Amino acid sequence: MRSKEIIYQKIYEENYPKVMRLCMGYTSGNQSLAKDLVQETFIKIWQNLDAFRNESGIGTWIYRICVNTCLAEIRRERKKDRELQIDSLQVSDNSDNPVEKEDMLVQLYKCINKLSSTNKAIILLELEGLPQLEISEIIGIKHEAVRTRIHRIKQQLTKCVNNE
């Protein structure tokens, strides 16, 4: 195997789960669409691997490609309704009732889908556990602005989920 193929294979193996989870968030849990977006993301990574300049971390670069791929899909599919499939997601709350947990997740994703595309990207990356500094690099806004937005988004989602 050539060195580009070896590097790509390593990138794919290390980043596939993270990219898949991010795409699942953008597609409201639609696994089929998420897999398509993951594939499209990795095609773009392969096509642009030679252009990667190490100006940011490879993870940041990959997340940026993934977020842009998902946002482009959302713009194309904005008018279509998406069915929520929450079978592979977990949520921690006080309820032991799986039906209540699933209802809560469905409501959460409905609320996330009401956010602007930038706020949606920020909260999905936050839920993925990315450091806020890295989120600011991916989204292209200042770190302080990301911190403020996350706080406001969480308040907004809490009100939405609780139907306030």
Protein backbone atom coordinates (compact mmCIF):
# COMPACT_ATOMS: atom_id res chain seq x y z
CA MET A 1 0.00 0.00 0.00
CA ARG A 2 1.15 3.51 -0.74
CA SER A 3 1.72 5.92 2.13
CA LYS A 4 -1.41 7.99 1.35
CA GLU A 5 -3.52 4.83 1.56
CA ILE A 6 -1.91 3.83 4.86
CA ILE A 7 -2.48 7.31 6.33
CA TYR A 8 -6.08 7.33 5.07
CA GLN A 9 -6.79 3.88 6.51
CA LYS A 10 -5.53 5.03 9.92
CA ILE A 11 -7.60 8.24 9.73
CA TYR A 12 -10.68 6.21 8.76
CA GLU A 13 -10.29 3.66 11.57
CA GLU A 14 -9.62 6.31 14.25
CA ASN A 15 -12.35 8.76 13.20
CA TYR A 16 -15.22 6.68 11.79
CA PRO A 17 -17.10 6.33 15.13
CA LYS A 18 -16.87 10.08 15.89
CA VAL A 19 -17.93 11.09 12.38
CA MET A 20 -20.82 8.60 12.49
CA ARG A 21 -22.08 9.95 15.84
CA LEU A 22 -21.90 13.52 14.54
CA CYS A 23 -23.78 12.59 11.36
CA MET A 24 -26.38 10.71 13.44
CA GLY A 25 -26.95 13.94 15.36
CA TYR A 26 -27.41 15.94 12.18
CA THR A 27 -29.80 13.40 10.71
CA SER A 28 -31.88 13.07 13.89
CA GLY A 29 -30.81 9.46 14.19
CA ASN A 30 -31.59 8.43 10.58
CA GLN A 31 -28.89 5.76 10.29
CA SER A 32 -29.19 5.29 6.53
CA LEU A 33 -28.75 9.00 5.79
CA ALA A 34 -26.00 9.28 8.41
CA LYS A 35 -24.04 6.46 6.73
CA ASP A 36 -24.36 8.26 3.39
CA LEU A 37 -23.01 11.46 4.96
CA VAL A 38 -20.16 9.56 6.63
CA GLN A 39 -19.24 8.04 3.28
CA GLU A 40 -19.39 11.46 1.62
CA THR A 41 -17.23 12.91 4.41
CA PHE A 42 -14.54 10.23 4.00
CA ILE A 43 -14.58 10.65 0.21
CA LYS A 44 -13.86 14.36 0.73
CA ILE A 45 -11.12 13.50 3.26
CA TRP A 46 -9.49 11.17 0.69
CA GLN A 47 -9.80 13.75 -2.10
CA ASN A 48 -8.30 16.52 0.05
CA LEU A 49 -5.75 14.55 2.09
CA ASP A 50 -2.84 15.81 -0.03
CA ALA A 51 -4.01 19.40 0.58
CA PHE A 52 -4.07 19.02 4.39
CA ARG A 53 -1.40 21.40 5.72
CA ASN A 54 -1.38 20.63 9.47
CA GLU A 55 -2.45 24.21 10.20
CA SER A 56 -4.99 22.72 12.60
CA GLY A 57 -5.16 19.26 14.08
CA ILE A 58 -6.27 16.46 11.78
CA GLY A 59 -9.30 15.88 14.04
CA THR A 60 -10.38 19.50 13.70
CA TRP A 61 -9.95 19.30 9.93
CA ILE A 62 -12.04 16.10 9.77
CA TYR A 63 -14.80 17.58 11.96
CA ARG A 64 -14.89 20.67 9.76
CA ILE A 65 -15.33 18.54 6.63
CA CYS A 66 -18.03 16.48 8.38
CA VAL A 67 -19.93 19.54 9.68
CA ASN A 68 -19.82 21.19 6.24
CA THR A 69 -21.00 17.96 4.57
CA CYS A 70 -23.90 17.62 7.01
CA LEU A 71 -24.88 21.30 6.73
CA ALA A 72 -24.90 21.03 2.93
CA GLU A 73 -27.22 18.02 3.21
CA ILE A 74 -29.51 19.88 5.61
CA ARG A 75 -29.76 22.76 3.16
CA ARG A 76 -30.63 20.30 0.36
CA GLU A 77 -33.13 18.36 2.45
CA ARG A 78 -34.55 21.17 4.59
CA LYS A 79 -38.11 20.73 3.39
CA LYS A 80 -38.25 16.95 3.83
CA ASP A 81 -39.47 15.41 7.06
CA ARG A 82 -37.10 13.04 8.76
CA GLU A 83 -38.12 10.08 10.82
CA LEU A 84 -36.36 9.81 14.19
CA GLN A 85 -34.66 6.53 14.93
CA ILE A 86 -33.16 6.64 18.41
CA ASP A 87 -32.37 2.93 18.83
CA SER A 88 -28.59 3.30 19.15
CA LEU A 89 -28.46 6.44 21.30
CA GLN A 90 -28.24 6.58 25.06
CA VAL A 91 -29.37 9.33 27.36
CA SER A 92 -28.88 9.76 31.07
CA ASP A 93 -31.86 10.98 33.01
CA ASN A 94 -33.72 10.00 36.15
CA SER A 95 -36.12 7.69 34.35
CA ASP A 96 -35.62 3.93 34.26
CA ASN A 97 -38.48 3.61 31.80
CA PRO A 98 -37.02 3.03 28.29
CA VAL A 99 -40.17 4.44 26.65
CA GLU A 100 -39.84 7.70 28.62
CA LYS A 101 -36.13 7.92 27.73
CA GLU A 102 -36.90 7.42 24.04
CA ASP A 103 -39.67 10.04 24.18
CA MET A 104 -37.24 12.45 25.82
CA LEU A 105 -34.60 11.79 23.12
CA VAL A 106 -37.15 12.29 20.35
CA GLN A 107 -38.18 15.59 21.94
CA LEU A 108 -34.53 16.64 22.39
CA TYR A 109 -33.73 16.00 18.71
CA LYS A 110 -36.87 17.82 17.62
CA CYS A 111 -35.68 20.78 19.68
CA ILE A 112 -32.12 20.53 18.31
CA ASN A 113 -33.56 20.54 14.77
CA LYS A 114 -35.27 23.88 15.50
CA LEU A 115 -31.87 25.55 16.14
CA SER A 116 -30.02 27.56 13.52
CA SER A 117 -27.49 25.51 11.55
CA THR A 118 -24.56 27.09 13.43
CA ASN A 119 -26.11 26.52 16.87
CA LYS A 120 -27.01 22.98 15.85
CA ALA A 121 -23.39 22.33 14.86
CA ILE A 122 -22.13 23.81 18.14
CA ILE A 123 -24.41 21.73 20.38
CA LEU A 124 -23.83 18.49 18.45
CA LEU A 125 -20.06 18.97 18.75
CA GLU A 126 -20.50 19.79 22.46
CA LEU A 127 -22.58 16.63 22.92
CA GLU A 128 -19.81 14.73 21.14
CA GLY A 129 -17.50 15.90 23.94
CA LEU A 130 -15.21 18.13 21.91
CA PRO A 131 -13.31 20.83 23.80
CA GLN A 132 -14.92 24.22 23.31
CA LEU A 133 -11.67 25.63 21.93
CA GLU A 134 -11.73 23.00 19.17
CA ILE A 135 -15.42 23.74 18.50
CA SER A 136 -14.51 27.40 18.02
CA GLU A 137 -11.85 26.41 15.45
CA ILE A 138 -14.27 24.14 13.57
CA ILE A 139 -17.12 26.66 13.50
CA GLY A 140 -14.85 29.65 12.96
CA ILE A 141 -16.00 31.86 15.85
CA LYS A 142 -14.21 33.02 18.99
CA HIS A 143 -13.90 30.68 21.96
CA GLU A 144 -15.75 33.10 24.26
CA ALA A 145 -18.63 33.27 21.78
CA VAL A 146 -18.84 29.46 21.72
CA ARG A 147 -19.01 29.32 25.54
CA THR A 148 -21.78 31.93 25.60
CA ARG A 149 -23.71 30.23 22.79
CA ILE A 150 -23.50 26.80 24.45
CA HIS A 151 -24.95 28.25 27.65
CA ARG A 152 -27.79 29.91 25.73
CA ILE A 153 -28.44 26.84 23.57
CA LYS A 154 -28.70 24.63 26.66
CA GLN A 155 -31.22 27.05 28.21
CA GLN A 156 -33.18 27.11 24.95
CA LEU A 157 -33.19 23.30 24.68
CA THR A 158 -34.24 22.89 28.31
CA LYS A 159 -37.22 25.17 27.76
CA CYS A 160 -38.09 23.41 24.50
CA VAL A 161 -37.86 19.87 25.93
CA ASN A 162 -39.96 20.89 28.94
CA ASN A 163 -42.49 22.59 26.62
CA GLU A 164 -42.08 25.98 28.34
